[in-house]
Amino acid sequence: MSQPPDGDQRPSTSYEPPVSAPPPGHGAYQPPSYQPPSYRAPRYEPPTYQPGAYPSASGALRPAMTASEEQSWCVAAHLSGLVASLVGLPFLGPLVVLLAAGGRSGRVRQNAVEALNFSISALIYGAASMVLLLVLIGFVLLPAVLIGYVVLSIVAAVAASQGGQFRYPFTLRLVN
């Protein structure tokens, strides 16, 4: 150890760590050697599809629909617009059917798209009829649009329940 400073003597500015011997039976300290981590590239395996199964959003395979499920979804596509129109948004029902089951069956998708287009068209026709109430022709058009929407939705649901495809008249084809 260094001694305290006397008079002209300056303290040392360098630090000298104490020297200690390794424990008995051990040699000098050896730092561990560095080993870089091994990396294995992930292996890509293409998805395998089973006949009659469709991939879901998570990638899991969903079985294709049975005929009765398909028929039920087709009828629901047409009637759900009537139920959703009770809250003022008739396009929500067919849109939910399209998103929920449209990817599993082509027939369900066709019916849901047709019902969605009709619901959007009826909403546009209803809004135009409300504006035309100012010139009195809307008093005739608005009930005609409402009655036509209810009647044609029921006719389409009956056609879908019998396995047919119904095309609504006066429909703007906005969704493909």
Protein backbone atom coordinates (compact mmCIF):
# COMPACT_ATOMS: atom_id res chain seq x y z
CA MET A 1 0.00 0.00 0.00
CA SER A 2 1.03 3.52 -0.57
CA GLN A 3 1.74 5.82 2.33
CA PRO A 4 -0.05 9.08 2.97
CA PRO A 5 1.53 12.10 1.35
CA ASP A 6 4.28 13.96 3.31
CA GLY A 7 4.98 17.52 2.41
CA ASP A 8 6.10 17.65 -1.22
CA GLN A 9 5.08 14.14 -2.01
CA ARG A 10 2.04 13.90 -4.27
CA PRO A 11 -0.45 11.05 -4.09
CA SER A 12 -0.30 8.61 -6.96
CA THR A 13 -3.05 9.12 -9.52
CA SER A 14 -3.12 5.61 -10.87
CA TYR A 15 -5.10 2.85 -9.28
CA GLU A 16 -3.40 -0.45 -8.71
CA PRO A 17 -5.84 -3.28 -8.01
CA PRO A 18 -4.83 -5.70 -5.33
CA VAL A 19 -3.16 -8.79 -6.65
CA SER A 20 -4.76 -12.02 -5.56
CA ALA A 21 -3.82 -15.52 -6.43
CA PRO A 22 -6.34 -17.89 -7.99
CA PRO A 23 -7.95 -20.36 -5.59
CA PRO A 24 -5.90 -23.43 -4.87
CA GLY A 25 -6.23 -26.09 -7.50
CA HIS A 26 -7.23 -23.65 -10.24
CA GLY A 27 -5.01 -22.18 -12.86
CA ALA A 28 -5.04 -18.63 -14.08
CA TYR A 29 -8.42 -17.18 -15.05
CA GLN A 30 -9.50 -18.04 -18.60
CA PRO A 31 -12.40 -16.01 -20.02
CA PRO A 32 -15.04 -18.18 -21.73
CA SER A 33 -14.64 -18.46 -25.45
CA TYR A 34 -17.38 -16.91 -27.61
CA GLN A 35 -19.50 -19.28 -29.66
CA PRO A 36 -21.87 -17.58 -32.13
CA PRO A 37 -25.42 -18.92 -31.88
CA SER A 38 -26.31 -21.47 -34.47
CA TYR A 39 -29.11 -20.38 -36.79
CA ARG A 40 -31.23 -22.66 -38.86
CA ALA A 41 -33.41 -21.08 -41.51
CA PRO A 42 -37.09 -21.99 -41.17
CA ARG A 43 -38.26 -24.57 -43.62
CA TYR A 44 -41.19 -23.58 -45.82
CA GLU A 45 -43.81 -26.22 -46.32
CA PRO A 46 -46.61 -25.44 -48.76
CA PRO A 47 -50.09 -25.88 -47.31
CA THR A 48 -51.87 -29.10 -48.03
CA TYR A 49 -55.50 -28.92 -48.92
CA GLN A 50 -58.03 -31.62 -48.50
CA PRO A 51 -60.76 -31.91 -51.09
CA GLY A 52 -63.84 -30.10 -49.90
CA ALA A 53 -61.98 -28.05 -47.28
CA TYR A 54 -61.24 -24.34 -47.33
CA PRO A 55 -58.50 -22.49 -45.40
CA SER A 56 -59.71 -20.09 -42.73
CA ALA A 57 -58.10 -16.79 -41.76
CA SER A 58 -55.93 -18.60 -39.21
CA GLY A 59 -54.77 -21.11 -41.81
CA ALA A 60 -56.66 -24.04 -40.31
CA LEU A 61 -58.74 -26.05 -42.73
CA ARG A 62 -62.49 -25.80 -42.40
CA PRO A 63 -64.66 -28.49 -43.90
CA ALA A 64 -66.91 -27.60 -46.78
CA MET A 65 -70.56 -26.99 -46.02
CA THR A 66 -73.17 -29.64 -46.18
CA ALA A 67 -76.13 -29.05 -48.50
CA SER A 68 -78.45 -28.15 -45.62
CA GLU A 69 -75.94 -25.68 -44.14
CA GLU A 70 -75.47 -24.09 -47.53
CA GLN A 71 -79.23 -23.77 -48.01
CA SER A 72 -79.63 -22.21 -44.55
CA TRP A 73 -76.89 -19.64 -45.21
CA CYS A 74 -78.45 -18.75 -48.58
CA VAL A 75 -81.85 -18.14 -46.99
CA ALA A 76 -80.16 -16.17 -44.18
CA ALA A 77 -78.43 -13.96 -46.73
CA HIS A 78 -81.79 -12.75 -48.04
CA LEU A 79 -83.75 -12.57 -44.77
CA SER A 80 -80.95 -10.98 -42.71
CA GLY A 81 -81.42 -7.76 -44.67
CA LEU A 82 -84.99 -7.54 -43.39
CA VAL A 83 -83.85 -8.03 -39.81
CA ALA A 84 -81.01 -5.52 -40.18
CA SER A 85 -83.38 -2.96 -41.71
CA LEU A 86 -85.10 -2.72 -38.32
CA VAL A 87 -82.04 -0.76 -37.14
CA GLY A 88 -81.86 1.20 -40.39
CA LEU A 89 -78.89 -0.56 -41.97
CA PRO A 90 -80.27 -3.28 -44.25
CA PHE A 91 -76.92 -4.03 -45.87
CA LEU A 92 -75.37 -5.28 -42.61
CA GLY A 93 -77.18 -8.64 -42.63
CA PRO A 94 -76.05 -9.79 -46.09
CA LEU A 95 -72.57 -8.37 -45.40
CA VAL A 96 -72.21 -10.46 -42.24
CA VAL A 97 -73.34 -13.59 -44.14
CA LEU A 98 -70.88 -12.81 -46.93
CA LEU A 99 -67.99 -12.42 -44.49
CA ALA A 100 -68.95 -15.36 -42.28
CA ALA A 101 -69.76 -18.03 -44.86
CA GLY A 102 -69.07 -16.59 -48.31
CA GLY A 103 -65.57 -18.06 -48.39
CA ARG A 104 -66.77 -21.60 -47.78
CA SER A 105 -69.35 -21.89 -50.56
CA GLY A 106 -69.70 -20.30 -53.96
CA ARG A 107 -73.47 -20.53 -53.84
CA VAL A 108 -73.64 -18.76 -50.47
CA ARG A 109 -71.34 -16.05 -51.82
CA GLN A 110 -73.55 -15.52 -54.89
CA ASN A 111 -76.70 -15.22 -52.78
CA ALA A 112 -75.04 -12.92 -50.21
CA VAL A 113 -73.62 -10.63 -52.92
CA GLU A 114 -77.00 -10.45 -54.65
CA ALA A 115 -78.77 -9.64 -51.36
CA LEU A 116 -76.09 -7.09 -50.46
CA ASN A 117 -76.42 -5.32 -53.81
CA PHE A 118 -80.22 -5.25 -53.45
CA SER A 119 -80.01 -3.88 -49.90
CA ILE A 120 -77.65 -1.10 -50.95
CA SER A 121 -79.86 -0.30 -53.95
CA ALA A 122 -82.99 -0.20 -51.79
CA LEU A 123 -81.22 2.11 -49.35
CA ILE A 124 -80.31 4.47 -52.21
CA TYR A 125 -83.85 4.32 -53.65
CA GLY A 126 -85.30 5.00 -50.20
CA ALA A 127 -83.06 8.02 -49.69
CA ALA A 128 -84.03 9.38 -53.11
CA SER A 129 -87.71 8.86 -52.27
CA MET A 130 -87.27 10.79 -49.02
CA VAL A 131 -85.83 13.71 -50.97
CA LEU A 132 -88.71 13.46 -53.45
CA LEU A 133 -91.19 13.87 -50.60
CA LEU A 134 -90.64 17.59 -51.14
CA VAL A 135 -92.31 17.40 -54.57
CA LEU A 136 -95.00 14.97 -53.36
CA ILE A 137 -93.97 12.09 -55.67
CA GLY A 138 -92.02 10.65 -52.74
CA PHE A 139 -95.30 9.85 -50.97
CA VAL A 140 -95.92 7.25 -53.68
CA LEU A 141 -92.31 6.07 -54.18
CA LEU A 142 -91.31 5.55 -50.54
CA PRO A 143 -94.06 3.00 -49.72
CA ALA A 144 -93.43 1.30 -53.09
CA VAL A 145 -89.71 0.93 -52.25
CA LEU A 146 -90.47 -0.42 -48.77
CA ILE A 147 -93.11 -2.90 -49.95
CA GLY A 148 -90.92 -3.97 -52.87
CA TYR A 149 -87.96 -4.54 -50.52
CA VAL A 150 -89.95 -6.78 -48.18
CA VAL A 151 -91.74 -8.74 -50.94
CA LEU A 152 -88.65 -9.30 -53.09
CA SER A 153 -86.54 -10.35 -50.09
CA ILE A 154 -89.11 -13.00 -49.17
CA VAL A 155 -89.38 -14.22 -52.79
CA ALA A 156 -85.58 -14.49 -52.95
CA ALA A 157 -85.45 -16.42 -49.66
CA VAL A 158 -88.05 -18.88 -50.95
CA ALA A 159 -86.09 -19.33 -54.19
CA ALA A 160 -82.88 -19.91 -52.20
CA SER A 161 -84.60 -22.47 -49.96
CA GLN A 162 -85.61 -24.43 -53.08
CA GLY A 163 -82.03 -24.42 -54.35
CA GLY A 164 -82.50 -21.72 -56.97
CA GLN A 165 -80.75 -18.45 -57.65
CA PHE A 166 -82.82 -15.24 -57.59
CA ARG A 167 -81.79 -12.02 -59.34
CA TYR A 168 -83.42 -8.94 -57.92
CA PRO A 169 -84.87 -6.48 -60.46
CA PHE A 170 -83.80 -2.80 -60.44
CA THR A 171 -80.59 -3.63 -58.60
CA LEU A 172 -77.33 -1.71 -58.92
CA ARG A 173 -74.51 -4.27 -59.14
CA LEU A 174 -72.00 -2.52 -56.89
CA VAL A 175 -70.41 -5.53 -55.19
CA ASN A 176 -69.01 -8.40 -57.26
